[in-house]
């Protein structure tokens, strides 16, 4: 299962948060600094419990303001 976690951080703290996230390599597959409503996008891969645990760990980082997790789903459109 894959998920995309959109992270908003305090102003000026993107680099320090990215450095912390790079140490969490268990299910973190890619970290991207992005533009838009989020500051950082993290691609996660694992089972639902691993993804949930990692997002809970993200929320413990003091410079993270918000997270939004988009979980990949399979949809059969019948085409």
C-alpha atoms as a PDB file:
ATOM      1  CA  UNK A   1       0.000   0.000   0.000  1.00  0.00           C
ATOM      2  CA  UNK A   2       1.209   3.490  -0.792  1.00  0.00           C
ATOM      3  CA  UNK A   3       0.273   6.859   0.672  1.00  0.00           C
ATOM      4  CA  UNK A   4       1.221  10.461   0.101  1.00  0.00           C
ATOM      5  CA  UNK A   5       1.586  12.623   3.198  1.00  0.00           C
ATOM      6  CA  UNK A   6       1.346  16.381   2.652  1.00  0.00           C
ATOM      7  CA  UNK A   7       3.104  18.303   5.418  1.00  0.00           C
ATOM      8  CA  UNK A   8       2.921  21.983   6.335  1.00  0.00           C
ATOM      9  CA  UNK A   9       5.720  23.354   8.508  1.00  0.00           C
ATOM     10  CA  UNK A  10       6.459  26.547  10.420  1.00  0.00           C
ATOM     11  CA  UNK A  11       8.043  29.320   8.307  1.00  0.00           C
ATOM     12  CA  UNK A  12      11.766  28.798   7.739  1.00  0.00           C
ATOM     13  CA  UNK A  13      11.771  25.230   9.062  1.00  0.00           C
ATOM     14  CA  UNK A  14      11.533  23.203   5.828  1.00  0.00           C
ATOM     15  CA  UNK A  15      15.219  22.234   5.769  1.00  0.00           C
ATOM     16  CA  UNK A  16      15.305  21.096   9.406  1.00  0.00           C
ATOM     17  CA  UNK A  17      12.108  19.048   9.022  1.00  0.00           C
ATOM     18  CA  UNK A  18      13.408  17.414   5.819  1.00  0.00           C
ATOM     19  CA  UNK A  19      16.599  16.454   7.677  1.00  0.00           C
ATOM     20  CA  UNK A  20      14.519  14.787  10.405  1.00  0.00           C
ATOM     21  CA  UNK A  21      12.315  13.003   7.867  1.00  0.00           C
ATOM     22  CA  UNK A  22      15.362  11.624   6.023  1.00  0.00           C
ATOM     23  CA  UNK A  23      16.278   9.687   9.177  1.00  0.00           C
ATOM     24  CA  UNK A  24      12.906   7.877   9.111  1.00  0.00           C
ATOM     25  CA  UNK A  25      13.749   5.459   6.308  1.00  0.00           C
ATOM     26  CA  UNK A  26      11.641   2.453   7.320  1.00  0.00           C
ATOM     27  CA  UNK A  27       8.674   3.157   5.032  1.00  0.00           C
ATOM     28  CA  UNK A  28       9.577   6.621   3.700  1.00  0.00           C
ATOM     29  CA  UNK A  29      10.326   6.145   0.003  1.00  0.00           C
ATOM     30  CA  UNK A  30      10.674   9.731  -1.196  1.00  0.00           C
ATOM     31  CA  UNK A  31      10.689  13.240   0.280  1.00  0.00           C
ATOM     32  CA  UNK A  32       9.921  16.256  -1.894  1.00  0.00           C
ATOM     33  CA  UNK A  33       9.836  19.951  -1.059  1.00  0.00           C
ATOM     34  CA  UNK A  34       6.797  21.208  -2.971  1.00  0.00           C
ATOM     35  CA  UNK A  35       4.835  24.358  -3.738  1.00  0.00           C
ATOM     36  CA  UNK A  36       1.157  24.816  -2.982  1.00  0.00           C
ATOM     37  CA  UNK A  37      -0.732  24.390   0.253  1.00  0.00           C
ATOM     38  CA  UNK A  38       1.845  21.898   1.586  1.00  0.00           C
ATOM     39  CA  UNK A  39       5.566  22.487   2.067  1.00  0.00           C
ATOM     40  CA  UNK A  40       6.750  18.856   1.965  1.00  0.00           C
ATOM     41  CA  UNK A  41       5.347  15.740   0.313  1.00  0.00           C
ATOM     42  CA  UNK A  42       6.397  12.309   1.581  1.00  0.00           C
ATOM     43  CA  UNK A  43       5.724   9.076  -0.305  1.00  0.00           C
ATOM     44  CA  UNK A  44       5.167   6.190   2.123  1.00  0.00           C
ATOM     45  CA  UNK A  45       4.985   2.490   1.357  1.00  0.00           C
ATOM     46  CA  UNK A  46       3.901  -0.169   3.840  1.00  0.00           C
ATOM     47  CA  UNK A  47       0.816  -1.650   5.398  1.00  0.00           C
ATOM     48  CA  UNK A  48      -1.893   0.563   6.885  1.00  0.00           C
ATOM     49  CA  UNK A  49      -0.560   0.171  10.438  1.00  0.00           C
ATOM     50  CA  UNK A  50       2.980   1.174   9.376  1.00  0.00           C
ATOM     51  CA  UNK A  51       1.673   4.209   7.487  1.00  0.00           C
ATOM     52  CA  UNK A  52      -0.527   5.225  10.432  1.00  0.00           C
ATOM     53  CA  UNK A  53       2.383   4.851  12.854  1.00  0.00           C
ATOM     54  CA  UNK A  54       4.684   6.933  10.662  1.00  0.00           C
ATOM     55  CA  UNK A  55       2.139   9.755  10.316  1.00  0.00           C
ATOM     56  CA  UNK A  56       1.675   9.748  14.098  1.00  0.00           C
ATOM     57  CA  UNK A  57       5.494  10.041  14.402  1.00  0.00           C
ATOM     58  CA  UNK A  58       5.440  12.972  11.964  1.00  0.00           C
ATOM     59  CA  UNK A  59       2.972  14.794  14.209  1.00  0.00           C
ATOM     60  CA  UNK A  60       5.490  14.584  17.076  1.00  0.00           C
ATOM     61  CA  UNK A  61       7.965  16.778  15.155  1.00  0.00           C
ATOM     62  CA  UNK A  62       7.564  20.213  16.749  1.00  0.00           C
ATOM     63  CA  UNK A  63       7.972  22.259  13.541  1.00  0.00           C
ATOM     64  CA  UNK A  64       5.228  20.390  11.666  1.00  0.00           C
ATOM     65  CA  UNK A  65       1.970  22.352  11.728  1.00  0.00           C
ATOM     66  CA  UNK A  66      -0.381  20.016   9.798  1.00  0.00           C
ATOM     67  CA  UNK A  67      -0.383  16.754   7.882  1.00  0.00           C
ATOM     68  CA  UNK A  68      -2.808  15.387   5.314  1.00  0.00           C
ATOM     69  CA  UNK A  69      -2.469  11.759   4.247  1.00  0.00           C
ATOM     70  CA  UNK A  70      -3.748  10.539   0.890  1.00  0.00           C
ATOM     71  CA  UNK A  71      -3.968   6.736   0.801  1.00  0.00           C
ATOM     72  CA  UNK A  72      -3.875   4.988  -2.558  1.00  0.00           C
ATOM     73  CA  UNK A  73      -6.962   2.913  -3.346  1.00  0.00           C
ATOM     74  CA  UNK A  74      -7.813   0.579  -6.179  1.00  0.00           C
ATOM     75  CA  UNK A  75     -10.979   1.476  -8.022  1.00  0.00           C
ATOM     76  CA  UNK A  76     -12.630  -0.714 -10.636  1.00  0.00           C
ATOM     77  CA  UNK A  77     -14.360   1.657 -13.045  1.00  0.00           C
ATOM     78  CA  UNK A  78     -15.552  -1.212 -15.208  1.00  0.00           C
ATOM     79  CA  UNK A  79     -13.762  -0.040 -18.345  1.00  0.00           C
END
